[in-house]
PDB file of N, CA and C in Angstrom:
ATOM      1  N   UNK A   1      -2.698  90.573  85.771  1.00  0.00           N
ATOM      2  CA  UNK A   1      -3.200  90.523  84.410  1.00  0.00           C
ATOM      3  C   UNK A   1      -3.302  89.061  83.969  1.00  0.00           C
ATOM      4  N   UNK A   2      -4.424  88.706  83.424  1.00  0.00           N
ATOM      5  CA  UNK A   2      -4.654  87.340  82.963  1.00  0.00           C
ATOM      6  C   UNK A   2      -4.128  87.197  81.538  1.00  0.00           C
ATOM      7  N   UNK A   3      -3.417  86.120  81.293  1.00  0.00           N
ATOM      8  CA  UNK A   3      -2.884  85.843  79.957  1.00  0.00           C
ATOM      9  C   UNK A   3      -4.032  85.526  79.010  1.00  0.00           C
ATOM     10  N   UNK A   4      -4.095  86.245  77.910  1.00  0.00           N
ATOM     11  CA  UNK A   4      -5.143  86.033  76.917  1.00  0.00           C
ATOM     12  C   UNK A   4      -4.489  85.653  75.588  1.00  0.00           C
ATOM     13  N   UNK A   5      -4.449  84.359  75.255  1.00  0.00           N
ATOM     14  CA  UNK A   5      -3.777  83.938  74.025  1.00  0.00           C
ATOM     15  C   UNK A   5      -4.409  84.530  72.767  1.00  0.00           C
ATOM     16  N   UNK A   6      -5.696  84.821  72.807  1.00  0.00           N
ATOM     17  CA  UNK A   6      -6.353  85.412  71.637  1.00  0.00           C
ATOM     18  C   UNK A   6      -5.874  86.842  71.403  1.00  0.00           C
ATOM     19  N   UNK A   7      -5.682  87.579  72.481  1.00  0.00           N
ATOM     20  CA  UNK A   7      -5.176  88.947  72.368  1.00  0.00           C
ATOM     21  C   UNK A   7      -3.742  88.940  71.850  1.00  0.00           C
ATOM     22  N   UNK A   8      -2.951  87.998  72.342  1.00  0.00           N
ATOM     23  CA  UNK A   8      -1.564  87.877  71.871  1.00  0.00           C
ATOM     24  C   UNK A   8      -1.546  87.559  70.381  1.00  0.00           C
ATOM     25  N   UNK A   9      -2.364  86.595  69.965  1.00  0.00           N
ATOM     26  CA  UNK A   9      -2.429  86.220  68.548  1.00  0.00           C
ATOM     27  C   UNK A   9      -2.850  87.405  67.693  1.00  0.00           C
ATOM     28  N   UNK A  10      -3.796  88.173  68.174  1.00  0.00           N
ATOM     29  CA  UNK A  10      -4.266  89.345  67.426  1.00  0.00           C
ATOM     30  C   UNK A  10      -3.142  90.367  67.259  1.00  0.00           C
ATOM     31  N   UNK A  11      -2.385  90.616  68.331  1.00  0.00           N
ATOM     32  CA  UNK A  11      -1.269  91.567  68.250  1.00  0.00           C
ATOM     33  C   UNK A  11      -0.194  91.066  67.293  1.00  0.00           C
ATOM     34  N   UNK A  12       0.103  89.773  67.337  1.00  0.00           N
ATOM     35  CA  UNK A  12       1.121  89.212  66.450  1.00  0.00           C
ATOM     36  C   UNK A  12       0.689  89.309  64.990  1.00  0.00           C
ATOM     37  N   UNK A  13      -0.572  89.009  64.705  1.00  0.00           N
ATOM     38  CA  UNK A  13      -1.083  89.139  63.329  1.00  0.00           C
ATOM     39  C   UNK A  13      -0.998  90.587  62.862  1.00  0.00           C
ATOM     40  N   UNK A  14      -1.298  91.508  63.762  1.00  0.00           N
ATOM     41  CA  UNK A  14      -1.291  92.933  63.427  1.00  0.00           C
ATOM     42  C   UNK A  14       0.093  93.395  62.973  1.00  0.00           C
ATOM     43  N   UNK A  15       1.149  92.825  63.558  1.00  0.00           N
ATOM     44  CA  UNK A  15       2.505  93.218  63.160  1.00  0.00           C
ATOM     45  C   UNK A  15       3.071  92.336  62.046  1.00  0.00           C
ATOM     46  N   UNK A  16       2.260  91.396  61.561  1.00  0.00           N
ATOM     47  CA  UNK A  16       2.675  90.605  60.408  1.00  0.00           C
ATOM     48  C   UNK A  16       3.214  89.224  60.703  1.00  0.00           C
ATOM     49  N   UNK A  17       3.225  88.817  61.953  1.00  0.00           N
ATOM     50  CA  UNK A  17       3.680  87.469  62.281  1.00  0.00           C
ATOM     51  C   UNK A  17       2.557  86.475  62.044  1.00  0.00           C
ATOM     52  N   UNK A  18       2.897  85.339  61.468  1.00  0.00           N
ATOM     53  CA  UNK A  18       1.897  84.291  61.261  1.00  0.00           C
ATOM     54  C   UNK A  18       2.354  83.025  61.962  1.00  0.00           C
ATOM     55  N   UNK A  19       1.390  82.241  62.394  1.00  0.00           N
ATOM     56  CA  UNK A  19       1.694  80.958  63.021  1.00  0.00           C
ATOM     57  C   UNK A  19       2.049  79.924  61.968  1.00  0.00           C
ATOM     58  N   UNK A  20       2.585  78.808  62.404  1.00  0.00           N
ATOM     59  CA  UNK A  20       3.038  77.768  61.479  1.00  0.00           C
ATOM     60  C   UNK A  20       1.884  77.208  60.654  1.00  0.00           C
ATOM     61  N   UNK A  21       0.715  77.024  61.254  1.00  0.00           N
ATOM     62  CA  UNK A  21      -0.425  76.500  60.497  1.00  0.00           C
ATOM     63  C   UNK A  21      -0.897  77.488  59.443  1.00  0.00           C
ATOM     64  N   UNK A  22      -0.922  78.767  59.802  1.00  0.00           N
ATOM     65  CA  UNK A  22      -1.321  79.780  58.824  1.00  0.00           C
ATOM     66  C   UNK A  22      -0.280  79.883  57.712  1.00  0.00           C
ATOM     67  N   UNK A  23       0.987  79.793  58.075  1.00  0.00           N
ATOM     68  CA  UNK A  23       2.053  79.822  57.061  1.00  0.00           C
ATOM     69  C   UNK A  23       1.855  78.687  56.072  1.00  0.00           C
ATOM     70  N   UNK A  24       1.606  77.496  56.599  1.00  0.00           N
ATOM     71  CA  UNK A  24       1.403  76.340  55.717  1.00  0.00           C
ATOM     72  C   UNK A  24       0.201  76.546  54.803  1.00  0.00           C
ATOM     73  N   UNK A  25      -0.917  76.976  55.365  1.00  0.00           N
ATOM     74  CA  UNK A  25      -2.143  77.135  54.580  1.00  0.00           C
ATOM     75  C   UNK A  25      -2.036  78.272  53.567  1.00  0.00           C
ATOM     76  N   UNK A  26      -1.477  79.396  53.986  1.00  0.00           N
ATOM     77  CA  UNK A  26      -1.456  80.579  53.125  1.00  0.00           C
ATOM     78  C   UNK A  26      -0.305  80.613  52.128  1.00  0.00           C
ATOM     79  N   UNK A  27       0.790  79.930  52.420  1.00  0.00           N
ATOM     80  CA  UNK A  27       1.963  80.045  51.555  1.00  0.00           C
ATOM     81  C   UNK A  27       2.463  78.704  51.032  1.00  0.00           C
ATOM     82  N   UNK A  28       2.790  77.809  51.927  1.00  0.00           N
ATOM     83  CA  UNK A  28       3.405  76.547  51.513  1.00  0.00           C
ATOM     84  C   UNK A  28       2.474  75.759  50.599  1.00  0.00           C
ATOM     85  N   UNK A  29       1.260  75.502  51.041  1.00  0.00           N
ATOM     86  CA  UNK A  29       0.333  74.699  50.238  1.00  0.00           C
ATOM     87  C   UNK A  29      -0.191  75.459  49.029  1.00  0.00           C
ATOM     88  N   UNK A  30      -0.409  76.739  49.168  1.00  0.00           N
ATOM     89  CA  UNK A  30      -0.975  77.534  48.078  1.00  0.00           C
ATOM     90  C   UNK A  30      -0.007  77.682  46.907  1.00  0.00           C
ATOM     91  N   UNK A  31       1.267  77.874  47.186  1.00  0.00           N
ATOM     92  CA  UNK A  31       2.220  78.209  46.127  1.00  0.00           C
ATOM     93  C   UNK A  31       3.144  77.063  45.718  1.00  0.00           C
ATOM     94  N   UNK A  32       2.916  75.879  46.237  1.00  0.00           N
ATOM     95  CA  UNK A  32       3.788  74.750  45.926  1.00  0.00           C
ATOM     96  C   UNK A  32       2.958  73.515  45.624  1.00  0.00           C
ATOM     97  N   UNK A  33       3.371  72.797  44.594  1.00  0.00           N
ATOM     98  CA  UNK A  33       2.714  71.532  44.301  1.00  0.00           C
ATOM     99  C   UNK A  33       2.967  70.582  45.467  1.00  0.00           C
ATOM    100  N   UNK A  34       2.011  69.720  45.714  1.00  0.00           N
ATOM    101  CA  UNK A  34       2.095  68.797  46.852  1.00  0.00           C
ATOM    102  C   UNK A  34       3.389  67.980  46.824  1.00  0.00           C
ATOM    103  N   UNK A  35       3.849  67.596  45.642  1.00  0.00           N
ATOM    104  CA  UNK A  35       5.062  66.773  45.566  1.00  0.00           C
ATOM    105  C   UNK A  35       6.299  67.520  46.069  1.00  0.00           C
ATOM    106  N   UNK A  36       6.242  68.866  46.097  1.00  0.00           N
ATOM    107  CA  UNK A  36       7.374  69.656  46.580  1.00  0.00           C
ATOM    108  C   UNK A  36       7.243  70.035  48.055  1.00  0.00           C
ATOM    109  N   UNK A  37       6.148  69.658  48.668  1.00  0.00           N
ATOM    110  CA  UNK A  37       5.902  70.041  50.057  1.00  0.00           C
ATOM    111  C   UNK A  37       7.044  69.652  50.998  1.00  0.00           C
ATOM    112  N   UNK A  38       7.615  68.439  50.896  1.00  0.00           N
ATOM    113  CA  UNK A  38       8.728  68.115  51.799  1.00  0.00           C
ATOM    114  C   UNK A  38       9.906  69.085  51.672  1.00  0.00           C
ATOM    115  N   UNK A  39      10.136  69.616  50.485  1.00  0.00           N
ATOM    116  CA  UNK A  39      11.234  70.581  50.309  1.00  0.00           C
ATOM    117  C   UNK A  39      10.938  71.906  50.997  1.00  0.00           C
ATOM    118  N   UNK A  40       9.744  72.405  50.800  1.00  0.00           N
ATOM    119  CA  UNK A  40       9.437  73.736  51.318  1.00  0.00           C
ATOM    120  C   UNK A  40       9.030  73.720  52.784  1.00  0.00           C
ATOM    121  N   UNK A  41       8.673  72.571  53.307  1.00  0.00           N
ATOM    122  CA  UNK A  41       8.281  72.480  54.708  1.00  0.00           C
ATOM    123  C   UNK A  41       9.481  72.258  55.626  1.00  0.00           C
ATOM    124  N   UNK A  42      10.581  71.812  55.086  1.00  0.00           N
ATOM    125  CA  UNK A  42      11.796  71.544  55.859  1.00  0.00           C
ATOM    126  C   UNK A  42      12.687  72.785  55.786  1.00  0.00           C
ATOM    127  N   UNK A  43      12.760  73.534  56.872  1.00  0.00           N
ATOM    128  CA  UNK A  43      13.498  74.796  56.860  1.00  0.00           C
ATOM    129  C   UNK A  43      14.977  74.609  56.528  1.00  0.00           C
ATOM    130  N   UNK A  44      15.584  73.544  57.034  1.00  0.00           N
ATOM    131  CA  UNK A  44      17.000  73.310  56.762  1.00  0.00           C
ATOM    132  C   UNK A  44      17.220  72.970  55.290  1.00  0.00           C
ATOM    133  N   UNK A  45      16.385  72.118  54.740  1.00  0.00           N
ATOM    134  CA  UNK A  45      16.495  71.771  53.324  1.00  0.00           C
ATOM    135  C   UNK A  45      16.237  72.994  52.450  1.00  0.00           C
ATOM    136  N   UNK A  46      15.246  73.797  52.811  1.00  0.00           N
ATOM    137  CA  UNK A  46      14.959  75.017  52.057  1.00  0.00           C
ATOM    138  C   UNK A  46      16.165  75.943  52.067  1.00  0.00           C
ATOM    139  N   UNK A  47      16.811  76.066  53.217  1.00  0.00           N
ATOM    140  CA  UNK A  47      17.993  76.928  53.325  1.00  0.00           C
ATOM    141  C   UNK A  47      19.118  76.403  52.444  1.00  0.00           C
ATOM    142  N   UNK A  48      19.351  75.091  52.468  1.00  0.00           N
ATOM    143  CA  UNK A  48      20.402  74.497  51.633  1.00  0.00           C
ATOM    144  C   UNK A  48      20.115  74.721  50.154  1.00  0.00           C
ATOM    145  N   UNK A  49      18.847  74.563  49.745  1.00  0.00           N
ATOM    146  CA  UNK A  49      18.476  74.791  48.348  1.00  0.00           C
ATOM    147  C   UNK A  49      18.671  76.259  47.966  1.00  0.00           C
ATOM    148  N   UNK A  50      18.322  77.165  48.858  1.00  0.00           N
ATOM    149  CA  UNK A  50      18.512  78.592  48.590  1.00  0.00           C
ATOM    150  C   UNK A  50      19.994  78.906  48.407  1.00  0.00           C
ATOM    151  N   UNK A  51      20.842  78.341  49.248  1.00  0.00           N
ATOM    152  CA  UNK A  51      22.289  78.558  49.134  1.00  0.00           C
ATOM    153  C   UNK A  51      22.809  78.005  47.815  1.00  0.00           C
ATOM    154  N   UNK A  52      22.358  76.804  47.437  1.00  0.00           N
ATOM    155  CA  UNK A  52      22.769  76.208  46.162  1.00  0.00           C
ATOM    156  C   UNK A  52      22.441  77.115  44.985  1.00  0.00           C
ATOM    157  N   UNK A  53      21.347  77.843  45.104  1.00  0.00           N
ATOM    158  CA  UNK A  53      20.905  78.715  44.015  1.00  0.00           C
ATOM    159  C   UNK A  53      21.319  80.165  44.240  1.00  0.00           C
ATOM    160  N   UNK A  54      22.301  80.346  45.118  1.00  0.00           N
ATOM    161  CA  UNK A  54      22.924  81.640  45.396  1.00  0.00           C
ATOM    162  C   UNK A  54      21.932  82.707  45.856  1.00  0.00           C
ATOM    163  N   UNK A  55      20.946  82.287  46.628  1.00  0.00           N
ATOM    164  CA  UNK A  55      20.014  83.233  47.230  1.00  0.00           C
ATOM    165  C   UNK A  55      20.546  83.623  48.603  1.00  0.00           C
ATOM    166  N   UNK A  56      20.410  84.874  48.978  1.00  0.00           N
ATOM    167  CA  UNK A  56      20.908  85.289  50.297  1.00  0.00           C
ATOM    168  C   UNK A  56      20.054  84.689  51.414  1.00  0.00           C
ATOM    169  N   UNK A  57      20.722  84.160  52.409  1.00  0.00           N
ATOM    170  CA  UNK A  57      20.042  83.587  53.573  1.00  0.00           C
ATOM    171  C   UNK A  57      20.791  84.018  54.826  1.00  0.00           C
ATOM    172  N   UNK A  58      20.103  84.138  55.949  1.00  0.00           N
ATOM    173  CA  UNK A  58      20.797  84.470  57.192  1.00  0.00           C
ATOM    174  C   UNK A  58      21.696  83.320  57.643  1.00  0.00           C
ATOM    175  N   UNK A  59      22.684  83.661  58.429  1.00  0.00           N
ATOM    176  CA  UNK A  59      23.608  82.658  58.961  1.00  0.00           C
ATOM    177  C   UNK A  59      22.850  81.643  59.818  1.00  0.00           C
ATOM    178  N   UNK A  60      23.263  80.400  59.721  1.00  0.00           N
ATOM    179  CA  UNK A  60      22.665  79.336  60.524  1.00  0.00           C
ATOM    180  C   UNK A  60      23.493  79.169  61.796  1.00  0.00           C
ATOM    181  N   UNK A  61      22.869  79.363  62.938  1.00  0.00           N
ATOM    182  CA  UNK A  61      23.576  79.248  64.212  1.00  0.00           C
ATOM    183  C   UNK A  61      23.596  77.824  64.722  1.00  0.00           C
ATOM    184  N   UNK A  62      22.498  77.122  64.566  1.00  0.00           N
ATOM    185  CA  UNK A  62      22.394  75.763  65.101  1.00  0.00           C
ATOM    186  C   UNK A  62      21.170  75.083  64.502  1.00  0.00           C
ATOM    187  N   UNK A  63      21.156  73.770  64.604  1.00  0.00           N
ATOM    188  CA  UNK A  63      20.011  72.977  64.156  1.00  0.00           C
ATOM    189  C   UNK A  63      19.521  72.160  65.345  1.00  0.00           C
ATOM    190  N   UNK A  64      18.233  72.234  65.598  1.00  0.00           N
ATOM    191  CA  UNK A  64      17.612  71.450  66.660  1.00  0.00           C
ATOM    192  C   UNK A  64      16.614  70.508  66.010  1.00  0.00           C
ATOM    193  N   UNK A  65      16.871  69.228  66.109  1.00  0.00           N
ATOM    194  CA  UNK A  65      15.961  68.241  65.530  1.00  0.00           C
ATOM    195  C   UNK A  65      15.060  67.615  66.593  1.00  0.00           C
ATOM    196  N   UNK A  66      15.560  67.567  67.822  1.00  0.00           N
ATOM    197  CA  UNK A  66      14.790  66.979  68.917  1.00  0.00           C
ATOM    198  C   UNK A  66      14.915  67.869  70.150  1.00  0.00           C
ATOM    199  N   UNK A  67      13.922  67.808  70.999  1.00  0.00           N
ATOM    200  CA  UNK A  67      13.841  68.701  72.153  1.00  0.00           C
ATOM    201  C   UNK A  67      15.086  68.651  73.039  1.00  0.00           C
ATOM    202  N   UNK A  68      15.657  67.476  73.224  1.00  0.00           N
ATOM    203  CA  UNK A  68      16.816  67.363  74.123  1.00  0.00           C
ATOM    204  C   UNK A  68      18.037  68.109  73.589  1.00  0.00           C
ATOM    205  N   UNK A  69      18.048  68.470  72.314  1.00  0.00           N
ATOM    206  CA  UNK A  69      19.182  69.184  71.719  1.00  0.00           C
ATOM    207  C   UNK A  69      19.176  70.678  72.048  1.00  0.00           C
ATOM    208  N   UNK A  70      18.109  71.156  72.641  1.00  0.00           N
ATOM    209  CA  UNK A  70      18.014  72.584  72.956  1.00  0.00           C
ATOM    210  C   UNK A  70      19.128  73.008  73.897  1.00  0.00           C
ATOM    211  N   UNK A  71      19.464  72.179  74.859  1.00  0.00           N
ATOM    212  CA  UNK A  71      20.541  72.516  75.796  1.00  0.00           C
ATOM    213  C   UNK A  71      21.859  72.755  75.064  1.00  0.00           C
ATOM    214  N   UNK A  72      22.121  71.990  74.020  1.00  0.00           N
ATOM    215  CA  UNK A  72      23.345  72.172  73.241  1.00  0.00           C
ATOM    216  C   UNK A  72      23.348  73.526  72.540  1.00  0.00           C
ATOM    217  N   UNK A  73      22.192  73.986  72.136  1.00  0.00           N
ATOM    218  CA  UNK A  73      22.093  75.272  71.447  1.00  0.00           C
ATOM    219  C   UNK A  73      22.508  76.400  72.376  1.00  0.00           C
ATOM    220  N   UNK A  74      22.106  76.321  73.628  1.00  0.00           N
ATOM    221  CA  UNK A  74      22.495  77.354  74.588  1.00  0.00           C
ATOM    222  C   UNK A  74      24.015  77.481  74.639  1.00  0.00           C
ATOM    223  N   UNK A  75      24.706  76.371  74.664  1.00  0.00           N
ATOM    224  CA  UNK A  75      26.170  76.395  74.705  1.00  0.00           C
ATOM    225  C   UNK A  75      26.742  76.983  73.415  1.00  0.00           C
ATOM    226  N   UNK A  76      26.162  76.615  72.270  1.00  0.00           N
ATOM    227  CA  UNK A  76      26.645  77.129  70.980  1.00  0.00           C
ATOM    228  C   UNK A  76      26.423  78.632  70.847  1.00  0.00           C
ATOM    229  N   UNK A  77      25.336  79.121  71.390  1.00  0.00           N
ATOM    230  CA  UNK A  77      25.001  80.537  71.251  1.00  0.00           C
ATOM    231  C   UNK A  77      25.667  81.414  72.305  1.00  0.00           C
ATOM    232  N   UNK A  78      26.175  80.813  73.364  1.00  0.00           N
ATOM    233  CA  UNK A  78      26.760  81.573  74.468  1.00  0.00           C
ATOM    234  C   UNK A  78      27.841  82.534  73.980  1.00  0.00           C
ATOM    235  N   UNK A  79      28.734  82.075  73.132  1.00  0.00           N
ATOM    236  CA  UNK A  79      29.831  82.915  72.652  1.00  0.00           C
ATOM    237  C   UNK A  79      29.357  83.996  71.684  1.00  0.00           C
ATOM    238  N   UNK A  80      28.226  83.819  71.065  1.00  0.00           N
ATOM    239  CA  UNK A  80      27.707  84.796  70.103  1.00  0.00           C
ATOM    240  C   UNK A  80      27.204  86.051  70.806  1.00  0.00           C
ATOM    241  N   UNK A  81      26.888  85.951  72.078  1.00  0.00           N
ATOM    242  CA  UNK A  81      26.321  87.078  72.813  1.00  0.00           C
ATOM    243  C   UNK A  81      27.366  88.113  73.188  1.00  0.00           C
ATOM    244  N   UNK A  82      28.622  87.812  72.993  1.00  0.00           N
ATOM    245  CA  UNK A  82      29.697  88.737  73.381  1.00  0.00           C
ATOM    246  C   UNK A  82      29.920  89.786  72.328  1.00  0.00           C
TER     247      UNK A  82
END
């Protein structure tokens, strides 16, 4: 079977998943003034702001800022799988 990225994208859209560019265009830019974009585009900052305002958020397992940090995440998540 040949990998078809367009078919995958279509299936993901059908179940409600959106890509990062679509998220930005449809939600972040549409519903936020440009001056607030850094707040709403930064997932960690958004989570901290939500917590400050007592909004429910899922638990944060790890933060990856750079690609080389991914290996550290595997170690952090290893114990969670038990």
